[in-house]
């Protein structure tokens, strides 16, 4: 029997990963946070002083990279060249990840990693192009959205909770730029697949969002 899959897409700061994890936990699926994978790769590149805006240099660095995803109690761990990568949620890392995620060589490198997981486990996977590129045959496709201001507030609070110094206006500007970049890039742009459940989370509590989406998912699975 084919493994079950749920694809969740949406713009920066909409809460995809938190919602996806909660849905996965309720269903007993694993959660794959593809944004975290790109952030881990960004850290690998930044730590080696590679210019992340230089596509050729980034592509060349992939020849020396081995990336693995491991799961314990449904929690995702990222292992790069045998070492677990942590502390991935800073604006600098997120901005670098957004840029390198547009490089075809990077997406081609990570595609088999993501496919292999979905082929062997029931999965909830979130990102920018899960329902359109990574898992176009997913059982359920969800597109989350929220106002720019609300997403900036959520990201600000998230960073403050992890003791990362941040500025709301800078986060707002950064998310606005990422929205434009992600939706206009040539390789796997952010867009809504025609069969996605589109849900605006503006003004809604996390619990209400999860409850609504779980009800929608259970209608299909």
N, C-alpha and C. Protein backbone atom coordinates (compact mmCIF):
# COMPACT_ATOMS: atom_id res chain seq x y z
N UNK A 1 0.84 -1.20 0.00
CA UNK A 1 0.00 0.00 0.00
C UNK A 1 0.88 1.25 0.00
N UNK A 2 0.53 2.22 -0.83
CA UNK A 2 1.32 3.44 -0.95
C UNK A 2 1.27 4.24 0.36
N UNK A 3 2.42 4.78 0.75
CA UNK A 3 2.46 5.60 1.96
C UNK A 3 1.63 6.86 1.78
N UNK A 4 1.09 7.35 2.87
CA UNK A 4 0.26 8.54 2.84
C UNK A 4 1.13 9.79 3.00
N UNK A 5 0.73 10.84 2.32
CA UNK A 5 1.51 12.08 2.39
C UNK A 5 0.60 13.30 2.41
N UNK A 6 1.02 14.29 3.19
CA UNK A 6 0.33 15.58 3.29
C UNK A 6 1.34 16.66 2.95
N UNK A 7 1.02 17.50 1.98
CA UNK A 7 1.91 18.58 1.55
C UNK A 7 1.37 19.91 2.05
N UNK A 8 2.22 20.67 2.72
CA UNK A 8 1.82 21.98 3.24
C UNK A 8 2.76 23.04 2.71
N UNK A 9 2.22 24.00 1.98
CA UNK A 9 3.00 25.11 1.42
C UNK A 9 2.53 26.43 1.99
N UNK A 10 3.34 27.46 1.78
CA UNK A 10 2.95 28.79 2.21
C UNK A 10 4.16 29.70 2.31
N UNK A 11 3.93 30.99 2.45
CA UNK A 11 5.03 31.97 2.50
C UNK A 11 5.74 31.96 3.84
N UNK A 12 6.80 32.75 3.94
CA UNK A 12 7.62 32.83 5.15
C UNK A 12 6.80 33.32 6.34
N UNK A 13 7.03 32.70 7.50
CA UNK A 13 6.44 33.17 8.74
C UNK A 13 4.98 32.83 8.95
N UNK A 14 4.42 31.98 8.10
CA UNK A 14 2.99 31.66 8.22
C UNK A 14 2.74 30.56 9.25
N UNK A 15 3.79 29.90 9.70
CA UNK A 15 3.63 28.86 10.71
C UNK A 15 3.51 27.46 10.16
N UNK A 16 4.02 27.24 8.95
CA UNK A 16 3.89 25.93 8.30
C UNK A 16 4.48 24.81 9.15
N UNK A 17 5.69 25.02 9.63
CA UNK A 17 6.39 23.95 10.34
C UNK A 17 5.69 23.57 11.64
N UNK A 18 5.25 24.57 12.39
CA UNK A 18 4.57 24.29 13.66
C UNK A 18 3.26 23.55 13.42
N UNK A 19 2.50 23.99 12.43
CA UNK A 19 1.23 23.34 12.10
C UNK A 19 1.48 21.94 11.57
N UNK A 20 2.47 21.80 10.68
CA UNK A 20 2.78 20.49 10.09
C UNK A 20 3.20 19.49 11.16
N UNK A 21 4.02 19.94 12.12
CA UNK A 21 4.45 19.04 13.18
C UNK A 21 3.27 18.57 14.02
N UNK A 22 2.37 19.48 14.34
CA UNK A 22 1.22 19.12 15.19
C UNK A 22 0.30 18.15 14.46
N UNK A 23 0.09 18.37 13.17
CA UNK A 23 -0.72 17.45 12.38
C UNK A 23 -0.05 16.07 12.32
N UNK A 24 1.25 16.06 12.08
CA UNK A 24 1.99 14.81 12.02
C UNK A 24 1.90 14.05 13.35
N UNK A 25 2.04 14.77 14.44
CA UNK A 25 1.98 14.14 15.77
C UNK A 25 0.61 13.51 16.02
N UNK A 26 -0.45 14.22 15.62
CA UNK A 26 -1.80 13.70 15.81
C UNK A 26 -2.08 12.46 14.97
N UNK A 27 -1.46 12.40 13.80
CA UNK A 27 -1.72 11.29 12.88
C UNK A 27 -0.70 10.15 13.02
N UNK A 28 0.37 10.39 13.77
CA UNK A 28 1.42 9.39 13.88
C UNK A 28 2.32 9.34 12.66
N UNK A 29 2.36 10.43 11.89
CA UNK A 29 3.23 10.55 10.72
C UNK A 29 4.55 11.19 11.17
N UNK A 30 5.55 11.16 10.29
CA UNK A 30 6.75 11.95 10.55
C UNK A 30 6.58 13.31 9.88
N UNK A 31 7.27 14.30 10.41
CA UNK A 31 7.21 15.66 9.85
C UNK A 31 8.55 15.99 9.22
N UNK A 32 8.52 16.37 7.96
CA UNK A 32 9.73 16.81 7.26
C UNK A 32 9.64 18.30 7.00
N UNK A 33 10.50 19.05 7.65
CA UNK A 33 10.57 20.50 7.50
C UNK A 33 11.63 20.81 6.44
N UNK A 34 11.20 21.01 5.20
CA UNK A 34 12.18 21.23 4.13
C UNK A 34 12.88 22.58 4.27
N UNK A 35 12.20 23.55 4.89
CA UNK A 35 12.86 24.84 5.12
C UNK A 35 14.07 24.68 6.01
N UNK A 36 13.96 23.78 7.01
CA UNK A 36 15.09 23.51 7.90
C UNK A 36 16.24 22.88 7.15
N UNK A 37 15.92 22.05 6.14
CA UNK A 37 16.97 21.42 5.34
C UNK A 37 17.76 22.49 4.59
N UNK A 38 17.05 23.44 3.99
CA UNK A 38 17.74 24.52 3.26
C UNK A 38 18.52 25.41 4.21
N UNK A 39 18.00 25.62 5.43
CA UNK A 39 18.74 26.43 6.40
C UNK A 39 20.02 25.71 6.83
N UNK A 40 19.92 24.41 7.04
CA UNK A 40 21.12 23.64 7.41
C UNK A 40 22.17 23.72 6.31
N UNK A 41 21.71 23.62 5.08
CA UNK A 41 22.63 23.74 3.95
C UNK A 41 23.25 25.14 3.89
N UNK A 42 22.44 26.15 4.22
CA UNK A 42 22.95 27.52 4.25
C UNK A 42 24.05 27.68 5.30
N UNK A 43 23.85 27.05 6.46
CA UNK A 43 24.87 27.10 7.50
C UNK A 43 26.16 26.43 7.04
N UNK A 44 26.02 25.30 6.36
CA UNK A 44 27.18 24.60 5.80
C UNK A 44 27.97 25.53 4.87
N UNK A 45 27.26 26.28 4.05
CA UNK A 45 27.90 27.18 3.09
C UNK A 45 28.51 28.40 3.79
N UNK A 46 27.76 28.99 4.71
CA UNK A 46 28.24 30.17 5.44
C UNK A 46 29.47 29.82 6.28
N UNK A 47 29.47 28.66 6.92
CA UNK A 47 30.59 28.26 7.77
C UNK A 47 31.88 28.09 6.97
N UNK A 48 31.74 27.84 5.68
CA UNK A 48 32.91 27.65 4.83
C UNK A 48 33.26 28.91 4.04
N UNK A 49 32.63 30.02 4.42
CA UNK A 49 32.89 31.32 3.79
C UNK A 49 32.69 31.29 2.28
N UNK A 50 31.73 30.48 1.85
CA UNK A 50 31.37 30.44 0.43
C UNK A 50 30.35 31.55 0.18
N UNK A 51 30.52 32.27 -0.88
CA UNK A 51 29.57 33.33 -1.25
C UNK A 51 28.26 32.69 -1.67
N UNK A 52 27.23 32.79 -0.82
CA UNK A 52 25.98 32.09 -1.12
C UNK A 52 25.21 32.71 -2.28
N UNK A 53 25.64 33.88 -2.76
CA UNK A 53 25.01 34.45 -3.95
C UNK A 53 25.68 33.98 -5.23
N UNK A 54 26.78 33.24 -5.08
CA UNK A 54 27.53 32.71 -6.22
C UNK A 54 27.05 31.29 -6.51
N UNK A 55 26.18 31.16 -7.49
CA UNK A 55 25.56 29.86 -7.77
C UNK A 55 26.60 28.80 -8.11
N UNK A 56 27.60 29.16 -8.89
CA UNK A 56 28.62 28.19 -9.29
C UNK A 56 29.39 27.67 -8.08
N UNK A 57 29.75 28.56 -7.16
CA UNK A 57 30.49 28.15 -5.97
C UNK A 57 29.64 27.27 -5.06
N UNK A 58 28.37 27.62 -4.92
CA UNK A 58 27.46 26.82 -4.10
C UNK A 58 27.30 25.42 -4.69
N UNK A 59 27.11 25.34 -5.99
CA UNK A 59 26.94 24.05 -6.66
C UNK A 59 28.18 23.18 -6.50
N UNK A 60 29.35 23.79 -6.61
CA UNK A 60 30.61 23.05 -6.47
C UNK A 60 30.75 22.48 -5.06
N UNK A 61 30.25 23.19 -4.06
CA UNK A 61 30.39 22.74 -2.67
C UNK A 61 29.56 21.50 -2.38
N UNK A 62 28.55 21.23 -3.19
CA UNK A 62 27.67 20.08 -2.96
C UNK A 62 28.39 18.75 -3.18
N UNK A 63 29.47 18.77 -3.93
CA UNK A 63 30.23 17.54 -4.19
C UNK A 63 30.87 17.00 -2.92
N UNK A 64 31.01 17.84 -1.90
CA UNK A 64 31.66 17.43 -0.66
C UNK A 64 30.64 17.30 0.47
N UNK A 65 29.37 17.22 0.13
CA UNK A 65 28.31 17.26 1.13
C UNK A 65 27.52 15.97 1.18
N UNK A 66 27.32 15.46 2.39
CA UNK A 66 26.41 14.35 2.60
C UNK A 66 25.39 14.79 3.64
N UNK A 67 24.12 14.78 3.28
CA UNK A 67 23.07 15.22 4.19
C UNK A 67 22.12 14.07 4.49
N UNK A 68 21.78 13.93 5.77
CA UNK A 68 20.87 12.87 6.22
C UNK A 68 19.80 13.46 7.12
N UNK A 69 18.62 12.86 7.07
CA UNK A 69 17.54 13.21 7.98
C UNK A 69 17.27 12.02 8.88
N UNK A 70 17.27 12.24 10.17
CA UNK A 70 16.96 11.19 11.13
C UNK A 70 15.79 11.63 12.00
N UNK A 71 15.03 10.66 12.46
CA UNK A 71 13.84 10.98 13.24
C UNK A 71 13.82 10.18 14.54
N UNK A 72 13.55 10.88 15.65
CA UNK A 72 13.40 10.26 16.95
C UNK A 72 12.19 10.88 17.62
N UNK A 73 11.21 10.04 17.94
CA UNK A 73 9.93 10.52 18.49
C UNK A 73 9.31 11.57 17.59
N UNK A 74 9.39 11.32 16.28
CA UNK A 74 8.83 12.16 15.22
C UNK A 74 9.60 13.47 15.02
N UNK A 75 10.64 13.72 15.82
CA UNK A 75 11.41 14.95 15.68
C UNK A 75 12.51 14.77 14.64
N UNK A 76 12.66 15.77 13.79
CA UNK A 76 13.63 15.72 12.70
C UNK A 76 14.98 16.24 13.15
N UNK A 77 16.03 15.48 12.83
CA UNK A 77 17.40 15.92 13.04
C UNK A 77 18.09 15.98 11.69
N UNK A 78 18.92 16.99 11.50
CA UNK A 78 19.65 17.16 10.26
C UNK A 78 21.12 16.88 10.49
N UNK A 79 21.66 15.93 9.71
CA UNK A 79 23.05 15.54 9.85
C UNK A 79 23.79 15.88 8.57
N UNK A 80 24.77 16.76 8.67
CA UNK A 80 25.58 17.13 7.51
C UNK A 80 27.02 16.68 7.75
N UNK A 81 27.47 15.80 6.84
CA UNK A 81 28.82 15.23 6.95
C UNK A 81 29.08 14.66 8.34
N UNK A 82 28.07 13.96 8.86
CA UNK A 82 28.20 13.26 10.13
C UNK A 82 27.96 14.09 11.37
N UNK A 83 27.66 15.39 11.21
CA UNK A 83 27.48 16.26 12.36
C UNK A 83 26.08 16.87 12.36
N UNK A 84 25.42 16.79 13.51
CA UNK A 84 24.07 17.36 13.62
C UNK A 84 24.14 18.89 13.57
N UNK A 85 23.21 19.47 12.81
CA UNK A 85 23.16 20.93 12.66
C UNK A 85 22.03 21.48 13.54
N UNK A 86 22.35 22.47 14.36
CA UNK A 86 21.36 23.10 15.25
C UNK A 86 21.41 24.61 15.08
N UNK A 87 20.54 25.31 15.79
CA UNK A 87 20.48 26.77 15.79
C UNK A 87 20.42 27.32 14.36
N UNK A 88 19.36 26.92 13.67
CA UNK A 88 19.24 27.27 12.26
C UNK A 88 18.32 28.46 12.00
N UNK A 89 17.67 28.98 13.05
CA UNK A 89 16.62 29.97 12.81
C UNK A 89 17.06 31.39 13.15
N UNK A 90 17.95 31.92 12.35
CA UNK A 90 18.30 33.34 12.41
C UNK A 90 17.93 33.95 11.06
N UNK A 91 17.75 35.26 11.04
CA UNK A 91 17.35 35.91 9.78
C UNK A 91 18.45 35.80 8.73
N UNK A 92 19.70 35.85 9.17
CA UNK A 92 20.82 35.73 8.23
C UNK A 92 20.79 34.37 7.54
N UNK A 93 20.58 33.33 8.32
CA UNK A 93 20.53 31.98 7.76
C UNK A 93 19.30 31.82 6.87
N UNK A 94 18.17 32.35 7.31
CA UNK A 94 16.93 32.24 6.53
C UNK A 94 17.07 32.94 5.18
N UNK A 95 17.69 34.10 5.17
CA UNK A 95 17.87 34.84 3.91
C UNK A 95 18.81 34.09 2.96
N UNK A 96 19.86 33.52 3.51
CA UNK A 96 20.79 32.73 2.68
C UNK A 96 20.09 31.49 2.14
N UNK A 97 19.28 30.86 2.98
CA UNK A 97 18.55 29.66 2.57
C UNK A 97 17.57 29.98 1.45
N UNK A 98 16.90 31.13 1.55
CA UNK A 98 15.94 31.53 0.52
C UNK A 98 16.64 31.69 -0.83
N UNK A 99 17.84 32.27 -0.80
CA UNK A 99 18.57 32.52 -2.05
C UNK A 99 19.07 31.22 -2.67
N UNK A 100 19.71 30.36 -1.87
CA UNK A 100 20.27 29.14 -2.45
C UNK A 100 19.18 28.16 -2.86
N UNK A 101 17.99 28.28 -2.26
CA UNK A 101 16.90 27.37 -2.62
C UNK A 101 16.40 27.61 -4.04
N UNK A 102 16.78 28.74 -4.62
CA UNK A 102 16.38 29.04 -6.00
C UNK A 102 17.35 28.47 -7.02
N UNK A 103 18.47 27.92 -6.55
CA UNK A 103 19.46 27.35 -7.47
C UNK A 103 19.02 25.94 -7.89
N UNK A 104 18.88 25.69 -9.18
CA UNK A 104 18.45 24.36 -9.64
C UNK A 104 19.33 23.22 -9.12
N UNK A 105 20.64 23.45 -9.01
CA UNK A 105 21.54 22.39 -8.55
C UNK A 105 21.24 22.00 -7.11
N UNK A 106 20.87 22.98 -6.28
CA UNK A 106 20.55 22.70 -4.88
C UNK A 106 19.27 21.89 -4.78
N UNK A 107 18.26 22.30 -5.55
CA UNK A 107 16.98 21.60 -5.51
C UNK A 107 17.13 20.18 -6.05
N UNK A 108 17.92 20.02 -7.10
CA UNK A 108 18.15 18.69 -7.65
C UNK A 108 18.90 17.80 -6.66
N UNK A 109 19.80 18.40 -5.91
CA UNK A 109 20.57 17.66 -4.91
C UNK A 109 19.69 17.15 -3.78
N UNK A 110 18.73 17.96 -3.36
CA UNK A 110 17.89 17.61 -2.21
C UNK A 110 16.64 16.82 -2.58
N UNK A 111 16.23 16.87 -3.83
CA UNK A 111 14.99 16.20 -4.24
C UNK A 111 15.00 14.71 -3.91
N UNK A 112 16.06 13.95 -4.22
CA UNK A 112 16.04 12.52 -3.89
C UNK A 112 15.95 12.25 -2.39
N UNK A 113 16.54 13.15 -1.58
CA UNK A 113 16.48 13.00 -0.12
C UNK A 113 15.03 13.08 0.35
N UNK A 114 14.31 14.05 -0.19
CA UNK A 114 12.92 14.25 0.20
C UNK A 114 12.02 13.13 -0.33
N UNK A 115 12.26 12.71 -1.55
CA UNK A 115 11.47 11.64 -2.15
C UNK A 115 11.65 10.33 -1.38
N UNK A 116 12.88 10.03 -1.00
CA UNK A 116 13.16 8.77 -0.31
C UNK A 116 12.38 8.65 0.98
N UNK A 117 12.28 9.76 1.72
CA UNK A 117 11.55 9.74 2.98
C UNK A 117 10.07 9.49 2.73
N UNK A 118 9.49 10.18 1.75
CA UNK A 118 8.06 10.04 1.45
C UNK A 118 7.73 8.65 0.91
N UNK A 119 8.71 7.99 0.32
CA UNK A 119 8.49 6.65 -0.23
C UNK A 119 8.49 5.57 0.85
N UNK A 120 9.06 5.89 2.01
CA UNK A 120 9.22 4.87 3.04
C UNK A 120 8.39 5.12 4.30
N UNK A 121 7.86 6.32 4.46
CA UNK A 121 7.11 6.64 5.68
C UNK A 121 5.88 7.48 5.34
N UNK A 122 4.86 7.41 6.21
CA UNK A 122 3.75 8.35 6.12
C UNK A 122 4.30 9.70 6.58
N UNK A 123 4.03 10.74 5.82
CA UNK A 123 4.74 11.98 6.06
C UNK A 123 3.86 13.22 5.90
N UNK A 124 4.16 14.22 6.73
CA UNK A 124 3.66 15.58 6.53
C UNK A 124 4.89 16.41 6.19
N UNK A 125 4.91 16.98 5.00
CA UNK A 125 6.08 17.73 4.53
C UNK A 125 5.67 19.17 4.23
N UNK A 126 6.45 20.12 4.74
CA UNK A 126 6.10 21.52 4.48
C UNK A 126 7.25 22.25 3.81
N UNK A 127 6.89 23.28 3.04
CA UNK A 127 7.89 24.07 2.34
C UNK A 127 7.24 25.09 1.42
N UNK A 128 7.88 25.35 0.27
CA UNK A 128 7.37 26.31 -0.70
C UNK A 128 6.77 25.63 -1.94
N UNK A 129 7.28 24.42 -2.26
CA UNK A 129 6.86 23.78 -3.51
C UNK A 129 6.53 22.30 -3.32
N UNK A 130 6.05 21.96 -2.14
CA UNK A 130 5.79 20.55 -1.83
C UNK A 130 4.66 20.00 -2.71
N UNK A 131 3.57 20.72 -2.79
CA UNK A 131 2.42 20.22 -3.55
C UNK A 131 2.58 20.40 -5.05
N UNK A 132 3.47 21.28 -5.48
CA UNK A 132 3.64 21.54 -6.91
C UNK A 132 4.81 20.79 -7.52
N UNK A 133 5.86 20.49 -6.72
CA UNK A 133 7.06 19.87 -7.26
C UNK A 133 7.45 18.60 -6.51
N UNK A 134 7.60 18.70 -5.20
CA UNK A 134 8.15 17.58 -4.42
C UNK A 134 7.16 16.42 -4.32
N UNK A 135 5.92 16.72 -3.91
CA UNK A 135 4.90 15.68 -3.74
C UNK A 135 3.62 16.07 -4.49
N UNK A 136 3.68 16.12 -5.82
CA UNK A 136 2.50 16.53 -6.59
C UNK A 136 1.34 15.56 -6.48
N UNK A 137 1.61 14.32 -6.02
CA UNK A 137 0.56 13.32 -5.86
C UNK A 137 0.17 13.11 -4.39
N UNK A 138 0.47 14.09 -3.55
CA UNK A 138 0.14 13.98 -2.12
C UNK A 138 -1.35 13.75 -1.93
N UNK A 139 -1.69 12.99 -0.89
CA UNK A 139 -3.11 12.72 -0.60
C UNK A 139 -3.87 13.99 -0.26
N UNK A 140 -3.20 14.87 0.48
CA UNK A 140 -3.82 16.15 0.87
C UNK A 140 -2.81 17.26 0.63
N UNK A 141 -3.28 18.35 0.02
CA UNK A 141 -2.44 19.52 -0.23
C UNK A 141 -3.05 20.72 0.47
N UNK A 142 -2.22 21.45 1.21
CA UNK A 142 -2.68 22.59 1.99
C UNK A 142 -1.80 23.79 1.68
N UNK A 143 -2.42 24.94 1.49
CA UNK A 143 -1.66 26.18 1.32
C UNK A 143 -2.09 27.13 2.43
N UNK A 144 -1.15 27.45 3.33
CA UNK A 144 -1.42 28.37 4.43
C UNK A 144 -1.00 29.78 4.05
N UNK A 145 -1.79 30.74 4.49
CA UNK A 145 -1.43 32.13 4.25
C UNK A 145 -1.84 32.97 5.46
N UNK A 146 -1.33 34.19 5.52
CA UNK A 146 -1.68 35.14 6.58
C UNK A 146 -1.17 36.50 6.13
N UNK A 147 -1.65 37.55 6.76
CA UNK A 147 -1.21 38.89 6.38
C UNK A 147 0.28 39.05 6.66
N UNK A 148 0.91 39.94 5.91
CA UNK A 148 2.33 40.21 6.08
C UNK A 148 2.65 40.63 7.51
N UNK A 149 1.82 41.52 8.07
CA UNK A 149 2.06 42.03 9.42
C UNK A 149 1.97 40.92 10.46
N UNK A 150 0.99 40.05 10.32
CA UNK A 150 0.84 38.97 11.30
C UNK A 150 2.00 37.99 11.22
N UNK A 151 2.45 37.72 10.01
CA UNK A 151 3.58 36.80 9.86
C UNK A 151 4.85 37.38 10.47
N UNK A 152 5.02 38.68 10.32
CA UNK A 152 6.20 39.34 10.90
C UNK A 152 6.15 39.29 12.43
N UNK A 153 4.97 39.49 13.00
CA UNK A 153 4.81 39.41 14.46
C UNK A 153 5.12 38.01 14.96
N UNK A 154 4.61 37.00 14.24
CA UNK A 154 4.86 35.62 14.64
C UNK A 154 6.35 35.30 14.61
N UNK A 155 7.03 35.70 13.54
CA UNK A 155 8.46 35.43 13.43
C UNK A 155 9.23 36.17 14.51
N UNK A 156 8.84 37.41 14.80
CA UNK A 156 9.48 38.20 15.85
C UNK A 156 9.38 37.48 17.19
N UNK A 157 8.18 37.01 17.53
CA UNK A 157 7.97 36.32 18.81
C UNK A 157 8.74 35.01 18.85
N UNK A 158 8.78 34.31 17.73
CA UNK A 158 9.51 33.05 17.66
C UNK A 158 11.00 33.25 17.93
N UNK A 159 11.57 34.28 17.31
CA UNK A 159 12.98 34.55 17.50
C UNK A 159 13.29 35.02 18.92
N UNK A 160 12.39 35.83 19.48
CA UNK A 160 12.60 36.31 20.85
C UNK A 160 12.55 35.17 21.85
N UNK A 161 11.68 34.19 21.60
CA UNK A 161 11.56 33.04 22.50
C UNK A 161 12.82 32.19 22.52
N UNK A 162 13.57 32.23 21.44
CA UNK A 162 14.82 31.47 21.37
C UNK A 162 16.03 32.36 21.69
N UNK A 163 15.74 33.53 22.29
CA UNK A 163 16.79 34.44 22.76
C UNK A 163 17.62 35.03 21.62
N UNK A 164 17.05 35.12 20.45
CA UNK A 164 17.75 35.73 19.32
C UNK A 164 17.35 37.20 19.25
N UNK A 165 18.34 38.10 19.27
CA UNK A 165 18.07 39.53 19.19
C UNK A 165 17.51 39.86 17.80
N UNK A 166 16.42 40.60 17.75
CA UNK A 166 15.79 40.88 16.46
C UNK A 166 15.01 42.19 16.53
N UNK A 167 14.68 42.69 15.35
CA UNK A 167 13.95 43.95 15.22
C UNK A 167 12.73 43.71 14.34
N UNK A 168 11.56 44.12 14.83
CA UNK A 168 10.32 43.83 14.11
C UNK A 168 10.31 44.41 12.70
N UNK A 169 10.71 45.68 12.56
CA UNK A 169 10.67 46.32 11.24
C UNK A 169 11.61 45.65 10.25
N UNK A 170 12.75 45.19 10.75
CA UNK A 170 13.69 44.49 9.88
C UNK A 170 13.11 43.14 9.44
N UNK A 171 12.41 42.47 10.34
CA UNK A 171 11.78 41.20 10.01
C UNK A 171 10.67 41.41 9.00
N UNK A 172 9.87 42.45 9.20
CA UNK A 172 8.78 42.77 8.27
C UNK A 172 9.32 43.00 6.87
N UNK A 173 10.39 43.80 6.77
CA UNK A 173 11.00 44.09 5.47
C UNK A 173 11.59 42.82 4.85
N UNK A 174 12.22 42.00 5.69
CA UNK A 174 12.84 40.77 5.19
C UNK A 174 11.79 39.81 4.63
N UNK A 175 10.67 39.65 5.32
CA UNK A 175 9.61 38.75 4.86
C UNK A 175 8.98 39.26 3.58
N UNK A 176 8.81 40.57 3.50
CA UNK A 176 8.23 41.16 2.29
C UNK A 176 9.13 40.88 1.08
N UNK A 177 10.45 41.03 1.27
CA UNK A 177 11.39 40.75 0.18
C UNK A 177 11.39 39.28 -0.19
N UNK A 178 11.31 38.42 0.82
CA UNK A 178 11.30 36.98 0.56
C UNK A 178 10.03 36.56 -0.17
N UNK A 179 8.91 37.18 0.17
CA UNK A 179 7.66 36.88 -0.54
C UNK A 179 7.82 37.14 -2.03
N UNK A 180 8.37 38.30 -2.35
CA UNK A 180 8.54 38.68 -3.75
C UNK A 180 9.51 37.73 -4.44
N UNK A 181 10.62 37.44 -3.75
CA UNK A 181 11.63 36.57 -4.34
C UNK A 181 11.09 35.16 -4.56
N UNK A 182 10.44 34.60 -3.53
CA UNK A 182 9.95 33.23 -3.61
C UNK A 182 8.86 33.05 -4.67
N UNK A 183 8.05 34.07 -4.88
CA UNK A 183 6.94 33.94 -5.83
C UNK A 183 7.34 34.27 -7.27
N UNK A 184 8.53 34.85 -7.45
CA UNK A 184 8.94 35.25 -8.82
C UNK A 184 10.18 34.50 -9.32
N UNK A 185 10.79 33.69 -8.47
CA UNK A 185 11.99 32.97 -8.90
C UNK A 185 11.64 31.98 -10.02
N UNK A 186 12.59 31.71 -10.87
CA UNK A 186 12.36 30.85 -12.03
C UNK A 186 12.21 29.38 -11.63
N UNK A 187 12.99 28.95 -10.64
CA UNK A 187 13.00 27.55 -10.24
C UNK A 187 12.05 27.31 -9.07
N UNK A 188 11.00 26.52 -9.31
CA UNK A 188 10.04 26.13 -8.27
C UNK A 188 9.52 27.32 -7.46
N UNK A 189 8.86 28.27 -8.10
CA UNK A 189 8.32 29.43 -7.37
C UNK A 189 7.18 29.03 -6.44
N UNK A 190 6.96 29.85 -5.44
CA UNK A 190 5.83 29.64 -4.53
C UNK A 190 4.53 29.93 -5.27
N UNK A 191 3.66 28.93 -5.34
CA UNK A 191 2.35 29.13 -5.95
C UNK A 191 1.37 28.12 -5.38
N UNK A 192 0.10 28.38 -5.58
CA UNK A 192 -0.95 27.53 -5.03
C UNK A 192 -1.35 26.49 -6.08
N UNK A 193 -1.26 25.23 -5.73
CA UNK A 193 -1.72 24.19 -6.67
C UNK A 193 -3.24 24.22 -6.71
N UNK A 194 -3.79 23.83 -7.84
CA UNK A 194 -5.23 23.96 -8.06
C UNK A 194 -6.06 23.10 -7.12
N UNK A 195 -5.47 22.04 -6.55
CA UNK A 195 -6.23 21.15 -5.67
C UNK A 195 -5.85 21.31 -4.20
N UNK A 196 -5.26 22.46 -3.85
CA UNK A 196 -4.89 22.71 -2.46
C UNK A 196 -6.05 23.27 -1.65
N UNK A 197 -6.07 22.94 -0.37
CA UNK A 197 -6.96 23.60 0.59
C UNK A 197 -6.27 24.89 0.99
N UNK A 198 -6.85 26.02 0.65
CA UNK A 198 -6.25 27.32 0.98
C UNK A 198 -6.87 27.83 2.28
N UNK A 199 -6.02 28.14 3.25
CA UNK A 199 -6.54 28.55 4.56
C UNK A 199 -5.77 29.77 5.08
N UNK A 200 -6.51 30.85 5.30
CA UNK A 200 -5.94 32.09 5.82
C UNK A 200 -5.97 32.03 7.34
N UNK A 201 -4.80 32.08 7.97
CA UNK A 201 -4.70 31.93 9.42
C UNK A 201 -4.68 33.26 10.16
N UNK A 202 -4.85 34.36 9.46
CA UNK A 202 -4.81 35.68 10.09
C UNK A 202 -5.88 35.77 11.19
N UNK A 203 -5.45 36.13 12.39
CA UNK A 203 -6.38 36.30 13.50
C UNK A 203 -6.85 35.02 14.14
N UNK A 204 -6.36 33.89 13.69
CA UNK A 204 -6.79 32.60 14.23
C UNK A 204 -5.72 32.03 15.16
N UNK A 205 -6.18 31.36 16.21
CA UNK A 205 -5.24 30.75 17.14
C UNK A 205 -4.61 29.52 16.51
N UNK A 206 -3.45 29.16 17.02
CA UNK A 206 -2.76 27.97 16.53
C UNK A 206 -3.64 26.74 16.69
N UNK A 207 -4.30 26.63 17.84
CA UNK A 207 -5.14 25.47 18.11
C UNK A 207 -6.29 25.37 17.13
N UNK A 208 -6.90 26.50 16.79
CA UNK A 208 -8.01 26.49 15.84
C UNK A 208 -7.56 26.11 14.43
N UNK A 209 -6.38 26.58 14.06
CA UNK A 209 -5.84 26.24 12.74
C UNK A 209 -5.61 24.73 12.64
N UNK A 210 -4.97 24.17 13.66
CA UNK A 210 -4.68 22.74 13.66
C UNK A 210 -5.97 21.92 13.65
N UNK A 211 -6.92 22.32 14.47
CA UNK A 211 -8.19 21.59 14.54
C UNK A 211 -8.91 21.58 13.20
N UNK A 212 -8.97 22.75 12.55
CA UNK A 212 -9.65 22.84 11.25
C UNK A 212 -8.96 21.95 10.22
N UNK A 213 -7.63 22.04 10.15
CA UNK A 213 -6.91 21.29 9.13
C UNK A 213 -6.95 19.79 9.39
N UNK A 214 -6.90 19.39 10.65
CA UNK A 214 -7.02 17.96 10.96
C UNK A 214 -8.37 17.42 10.50
N UNK A 215 -9.41 18.20 10.69
CA UNK A 215 -10.75 17.78 10.23
C UNK A 215 -10.77 17.61 8.72
N UNK A 216 -10.11 18.55 8.01
CA UNK A 216 -10.07 18.47 6.55
C UNK A 216 -9.25 17.26 6.09
N UNK A 217 -8.14 17.02 6.78
CA UNK A 217 -7.28 15.90 6.41
C UNK A 217 -8.02 14.57 6.61
N UNK A 218 -8.72 14.46 7.72
CA UNK A 218 -9.40 13.19 8.06
C UNK A 218 -10.57 12.90 7.12
N UNK A 219 -11.05 13.90 6.43
CA UNK A 219 -12.07 13.66 5.43
C UNK A 219 -11.52 12.90 4.23
N UNK A 220 -10.21 13.01 4.03
CA UNK A 220 -9.57 12.41 2.86
C UNK A 220 -8.87 11.10 3.21
N UNK A 221 -8.15 11.08 4.33
CA UNK A 221 -7.36 9.89 4.68
C UNK A 221 -8.22 8.81 5.33
